[in-house]
């Protein structure tokens, strides 16, 4: 039950998520460098951060767990992809064993 670029998970909102793992009520957002570095300027970075915070708030209030994977690698090699996959699968395994309590449902991972 994995959906990519799903747009209808919050009723009445057009919010789009990168990956939805439906049976674990978990969203995975893959954030590239533009989510943390001023690649297109400080103003654009602040808008991106604000949009991410709003998305987090909507999803958390909807009872979802959010895994935000920050990909800061300069190139996407197979090694980087394997590391990202392993980090995500490890978190999903933890969630499947014990759904996080409120306040612990926003998880940040980083791969370089």
Protein backbone atom coordinates (compact mmCIF):
# COMPACT_ATOMS: atom_id res chain seq x y z
CA UNK A 1 0.00 0.00 0.00
CA UNK A 2 2.58 2.55 -1.13
CA UNK A 3 1.43 5.55 -3.15
CA UNK A 4 3.65 8.10 -4.90
CA UNK A 5 2.68 11.77 -5.22
CA UNK A 6 -0.69 11.23 -3.55
CA UNK A 7 -2.85 14.36 -3.35
CA UNK A 8 -5.94 13.32 -1.44
CA UNK A 9 -4.84 12.24 2.01
CA UNK A 10 -6.06 15.33 3.93
CA UNK A 11 -9.77 15.92 3.23
CA UNK A 12 -10.43 19.32 1.66
CA UNK A 13 -6.77 20.04 0.94
CA UNK A 14 -4.75 19.63 -2.27
CA UNK A 15 -1.63 18.73 -0.32
CA UNK A 16 0.68 16.41 -2.25
CA UNK A 17 3.05 14.02 -0.50
CA UNK A 18 6.05 12.28 -2.04
CA UNK A 19 5.33 8.81 -0.68
CA UNK A 20 2.44 7.51 1.41
CA UNK A 21 2.78 4.18 3.20
CA UNK A 22 -0.91 3.75 3.79
CA UNK A 23 -0.95 0.76 6.13
CA UNK A 24 1.55 2.48 8.47
CA UNK A 25 -0.18 5.89 8.24
CA UNK A 26 3.24 7.28 7.32
CA UNK A 27 4.38 9.89 4.81
CA UNK A 28 7.89 10.05 3.41
CA UNK A 29 9.08 13.40 2.09
CA UNK A 30 12.35 13.47 0.15
CA UNK A 31 13.88 16.91 0.54
CA UNK A 32 16.70 17.95 -1.76
CA UNK A 33 19.25 20.67 -1.04
CA UNK A 34 16.77 23.46 -1.92
CA UNK A 35 14.91 22.66 1.32
CA UNK A 36 17.92 23.54 3.50
CA UNK A 37 20.32 25.62 1.37
CA UNK A 38 19.70 28.98 -0.37
CA UNK A 39 20.25 27.53 -3.84
CA UNK A 40 17.69 29.93 -5.37
CA UNK A 41 18.17 32.67 -2.77
CA UNK A 42 17.21 33.26 0.86
CA UNK A 43 13.66 34.37 0.07
CA UNK A 44 12.88 31.17 -1.82
CA UNK A 45 14.45 29.07 0.94
CA UNK A 46 12.24 30.74 3.56
CA UNK A 47 9.13 30.09 1.43
CA UNK A 48 10.13 26.44 1.05
CA UNK A 49 10.73 26.06 4.79
CA UNK A 50 7.37 27.68 5.58
CA UNK A 51 5.57 25.38 3.11
CA UNK A 52 7.29 22.35 4.67
CA UNK A 53 6.24 23.47 8.16
CA UNK A 54 2.63 23.92 7.04
CA UNK A 55 2.62 20.49 5.40
CA UNK A 56 4.08 18.97 8.56
CA UNK A 57 1.37 20.61 10.67
CA UNK A 58 -1.46 19.36 8.46
CA UNK A 59 -0.10 15.83 8.34
CA UNK A 60 0.67 15.64 12.05
CA UNK A 61 -2.79 16.94 12.93
CA UNK A 62 -4.17 14.22 10.66
CA UNK A 63 -2.38 11.61 12.78
CA UNK A 64 0.36 10.79 10.28
CA UNK A 65 3.99 9.99 10.96
CA UNK A 66 6.31 12.02 8.73
CA UNK A 67 9.75 10.85 7.70
CA UNK A 68 11.68 13.73 6.14
CA UNK A 69 14.72 12.44 4.30
CA UNK A 70 17.15 15.25 3.59
CA UNK A 71 19.29 14.34 0.58
CA UNK A 72 22.32 16.59 0.59
CA UNK A 73 24.52 14.47 -1.66
CA UNK A 74 26.05 16.30 -4.61
CA UNK A 75 25.33 13.33 -6.83
CA UNK A 76 22.85 10.51 -6.47
CA UNK A 77 25.01 7.40 -6.60
CA UNK A 78 23.86 3.85 -5.98
CA UNK A 79 25.60 3.97 -2.60
CA UNK A 80 23.62 7.09 -1.62
CA UNK A 81 20.38 5.47 -2.78
CA UNK A 82 21.13 2.28 -0.79
CA UNK A 83 21.88 4.31 2.32
CA UNK A 84 18.64 6.28 1.91
CA UNK A 85 16.64 3.08 1.39
CA UNK A 86 18.22 1.44 4.44
CA UNK A 87 17.51 4.47 6.65
CA UNK A 88 13.88 4.60 5.54
CA UNK A 89 13.30 0.85 5.88
CA UNK A 90 14.78 0.93 9.38
CA UNK A 91 12.36 3.69 10.42
CA UNK A 92 9.39 1.94 8.80
CA UNK A 93 10.28 -1.23 10.70
CA UNK A 94 10.27 0.70 13.99
CA UNK A 95 6.92 2.30 13.13
CA UNK A 96 5.38 -1.06 12.24
CA UNK A 97 6.43 -2.47 15.62
CA UNK A 98 5.34 0.54 17.68
CA UNK A 99 3.44 3.51 16.24
CA UNK A 100 5.09 6.65 17.64
CA UNK A 101 3.26 8.63 20.26
CA UNK A 102 2.15 12.17 19.53
CA UNK A 103 5.11 14.54 19.64
CA UNK A 104 7.45 11.90 18.18
CA UNK A 105 5.87 11.57 14.75
CA UNK A 106 8.20 13.91 12.84
CA UNK A 107 11.38 12.05 12.00
CA UNK A 108 14.35 13.65 10.24
CA UNK A 109 16.89 11.52 8.40
CA UNK A 110 19.87 12.72 6.40
CA UNK A 111 21.90 11.15 3.65
CA UNK A 112 24.99 12.69 2.07
